[in-house]
Protein backbone atom coordinates (compact mmCIF):
# COMPACT_ATOMS: atom_id res chain seq x y z
CA MET A 1 158.71 -15.37 9.84
CA GLU A 2 158.87 -14.75 6.08
CA LYS A 3 156.16 -17.35 5.46
CA ALA A 4 153.88 -15.72 8.03
CA TRP A 5 154.42 -12.30 6.43
CA LEU A 6 153.71 -13.74 2.96
CA MET A 7 150.59 -15.52 4.24
CA ALA A 8 149.36 -12.27 5.84
CA LEU A 9 149.92 -10.43 2.55
CA VAL A 10 147.97 -13.07 0.60
CA LEU A 11 145.08 -13.00 3.09
CA MET A 12 145.01 -9.21 3.04
CA SER A 13 144.89 -9.23 -0.79
CA ILE A 14 142.01 -11.69 -0.76
CA SER A 15 140.16 -9.60 1.82
CA ILE A 16 140.60 -6.37 -0.14
CA SER A 17 139.54 -8.11 -3.36
CA SER A 18 136.42 -9.45 -1.63
CA LEU A 19 135.55 -6.02 -0.24
CA ILE A 20 135.90 -4.41 -3.69
CA SER A 21 133.74 -7.13 -5.26
CA PHE A 22 131.11 -6.66 -2.54
CA ALA A 23 131.11 -2.87 -3.03
CA LEU A 24 130.71 -3.21 -6.79
CA ALA A 25 127.94 -5.78 -6.40
CA ALA A 26 126.09 -3.35 -4.14
CA GLU A 27 126.14 -0.78 -6.94
CA LYS A 28 124.39 -3.00 -9.46
CA PHE A 29 120.97 -1.83 -10.58
CA ASN A 30 118.23 -3.24 -12.75
CA VAL A 31 116.07 -0.77 -14.69
CA VAL A 32 112.65 -2.18 -15.56
CA GLY A 33 109.75 -0.76 -17.53
CA LYS A 34 107.10 -1.36 -20.16
CA VAL A 35 106.43 -0.22 -23.74
CA TYR A 36 102.86 0.05 -24.98
CA CYS A 37 100.86 1.02 -28.05
CA ASP A 38 98.61 4.04 -27.48
CA THR A 39 95.67 2.81 -29.54
CA CYS A 40 93.63 5.97 -28.86
CA ARG A 41 96.39 8.50 -29.69
CA VAL A 42 95.88 10.32 -26.37
CA GLU A 43 99.46 9.87 -25.04
CA PHE A 44 98.44 7.96 -21.92
CA GLU A 45 97.41 4.40 -21.23
CA THR A 46 93.79 3.32 -21.45
CA LYS A 47 92.17 -0.10 -21.18
CA LEU A 48 92.55 -0.36 -24.97
CA SER A 49 96.33 0.17 -24.87
CA GLU A 50 98.38 -2.85 -25.89
CA PRO A 51 101.86 -4.00 -24.84
CA ILE A 52 104.43 -4.07 -27.63
CA PRO A 53 106.61 -7.20 -27.64
CA GLY A 54 109.84 -6.82 -29.60
CA ALA A 55 110.16 -3.04 -29.15
CA THR A 56 113.66 -1.73 -28.55
CA VAL A 57 114.64 0.68 -25.79
CA LYS A 58 117.96 2.21 -24.79
CA LEU A 59 119.30 3.42 -21.45
CA GLU A 60 121.91 6.18 -21.59
CA CYS A 61 123.69 7.95 -18.76
CA ARG A 62 125.37 11.28 -19.50
CA LYS A 63 127.60 13.57 -17.51
CA VAL A 64 125.82 16.73 -16.45
CA ARG A 65 128.68 19.04 -17.37
CA ASP A 66 129.50 18.07 -20.93
CA GLU A 67 126.76 15.50 -21.72
CA ALA A 68 129.34 12.84 -22.56
CA ILE A 69 127.82 9.35 -22.57
CA THR A 70 129.16 7.25 -19.70
CA PHE A 71 126.85 4.23 -20.00
CA SER A 72 124.65 2.89 -22.78
CA ARG A 73 122.74 -0.36 -23.09
CA GLY A 74 119.76 -1.46 -25.13
CA ALA A 75 117.03 -4.02 -24.53
CA VAL A 76 114.13 -5.64 -26.35
CA THR A 77 110.71 -5.98 -24.75
CA ASN A 78 109.28 -9.38 -23.90
CA ALA A 79 105.80 -10.81 -24.65
CA THR A 80 104.16 -8.46 -22.12
CA GLY A 81 105.99 -5.36 -23.37
CA GLY A 82 108.34 -5.41 -20.37
CA TYR A 83 112.10 -4.90 -20.40
CA SER A 84 114.94 -5.21 -17.95
CA ILE A 85 118.32 -3.47 -18.30
CA PRO A 86 121.15 -4.45 -15.92
CA VAL A 87 123.43 -1.59 -14.88
CA LYS A 88 126.75 -1.74 -13.05
CA GLY A 89 128.24 1.15 -11.18
CA ASP A 90 126.88 4.21 -9.44
CA HIS A 91 125.81 7.04 -11.73
CA GLU A 92 125.22 9.74 -9.09
CA ALA A 93 126.70 12.64 -11.06
CA GLU A 94 124.91 11.69 -14.27
CA ILE A 95 121.49 11.96 -15.88
CA CYS A 96 120.20 8.55 -16.96
CA LYS A 97 117.22 8.15 -19.29
CA VAL A 98 115.49 5.24 -20.95
CA SER A 99 114.14 6.01 -24.42
CA VAL A 100 112.06 4.10 -26.95
CA GLU A 101 113.99 3.35 -30.11
CA LYS A 102 111.89 1.24 -32.43
CA SER A 103 108.50 -0.45 -32.61
CA PRO A 104 108.09 -3.69 -34.59
CA ARG A 105 104.51 -2.66 -35.41
CA PRO A 106 104.23 -0.58 -38.60
CA TYR A 107 100.74 0.57 -37.57
CA CYS A 108 101.96 1.69 -34.12
CA ASN A 109 105.40 3.24 -34.49
CA GLU A 110 104.92 6.99 -34.01
CA LYS A 111 106.89 8.13 -30.96
CA MET A 112 105.00 10.03 -28.27
CA GLU A 113 106.65 13.29 -27.35
CA SER A 114 105.42 13.03 -23.76
CA TRP A 115 106.44 9.39 -23.19
CA GLU A 116 109.45 8.93 -25.44
CA LYS A 117 111.93 9.08 -22.51
CA SER A 118 111.93 8.39 -18.79
CA GLN A 119 114.60 9.54 -16.35
CA VAL A 120 115.80 7.09 -13.70
CA GLU A 121 118.08 7.60 -10.69
CA LEU A 122 120.95 5.12 -10.63
CA THR A 123 122.77 5.85 -7.41
CA THR A 124 122.86 4.48 -3.90
CA GLN A 125 122.94 8.09 -2.63
CA ASP A 126 119.24 8.76 -3.32
CA GLY A 127 117.77 7.04 -0.27
CA LEU A 128 116.42 4.04 -2.19
CA ALA A 129 117.64 0.70 -0.91
CA ALA A 130 116.31 -1.59 -3.63
CA PRO A 131 118.43 -2.17 -6.74
CA ILE A 132 115.32 -2.32 -8.96
CA ARG A 133 114.57 1.04 -10.58
CA THR A 134 111.28 1.39 -12.44
CA ALA A 135 111.05 3.75 -15.41
CA ASN A 136 107.75 5.32 -16.44
CA ASN A 137 105.92 3.37 -19.13
CA LEU A 138 106.92 4.44 -22.62
CA GLY A 139 105.02 4.09 -25.83
CA PHE A 140 104.23 4.61 -29.46
CA LYS A 141 101.00 5.94 -30.98
CA LYS A 142 98.86 4.01 -33.38
CA LYS A 143 98.40 5.71 -36.75
CA GLU A 144 94.58 5.66 -36.45
CA PRO A 145 92.65 5.43 -33.15
CA LEU A 146 90.49 2.40 -32.48
CA PRO A 147 86.70 2.88 -32.91
CA GLY A 148 86.11 2.20 -29.20
CA CYS A 149 88.30 5.06 -28.00
CA PRO A 150 85.58 7.74 -27.65
CA GLN A 151 83.58 5.46 -25.37
CA VAL A 152 86.62 4.55 -23.26
CA LEU A 153 87.56 8.21 -22.82
CA LYS A 154 83.97 9.08 -21.94
CA GLU A 155 84.03 6.34 -19.26
CA MET A 156 87.23 7.90 -17.93
CA GLY A 157 85.47 11.25 -17.57
CA PHE A 158 87.01 13.10 -20.49
CA PRO A 159 84.69 15.45 -22.37
CA LEU A 160 84.75 14.66 -26.07
CA THR A 161 84.79 17.35 -28.68
CA PRO A 162 83.60 16.71 -32.24
CA TRP A 163 87.12 17.15 -33.61
CA ALA A 164 88.76 14.77 -31.09
CA PHE A 165 88.27 11.69 -33.33
């Protein structure tokens, strides 16, 4: 009888451990995004924009109440300017943002106020089933716009003013 009780206890422990592992695995996310160089200094992507390999980004989650950091992880962009940041846990009661940190290009390292950060939802309580969460593309501005920028913007339907470039 004692052996049966002990065996039941061991099996129950294994079952509970498996359930906890399964629950934690279900709360794993992967934040993906891209970092680019705004070669026209317009703070949005154009066909002249370039990906920035080797740029660093950081994901931080903060509590809403006191803004204490609960999660932080950095990443470096690949050859296409893309990054991937694995995240464990559910961050429902937190605000999570990816931000650009550093560009390896000295001629394209000015942060864009509009696209310096991107908020991402990292909870299973938001109606999204997929664990992949895509952040808005982030970027840096080139110090001087490329000569082809006025033509590209004209093709996009933007009126050009004499002081624009």
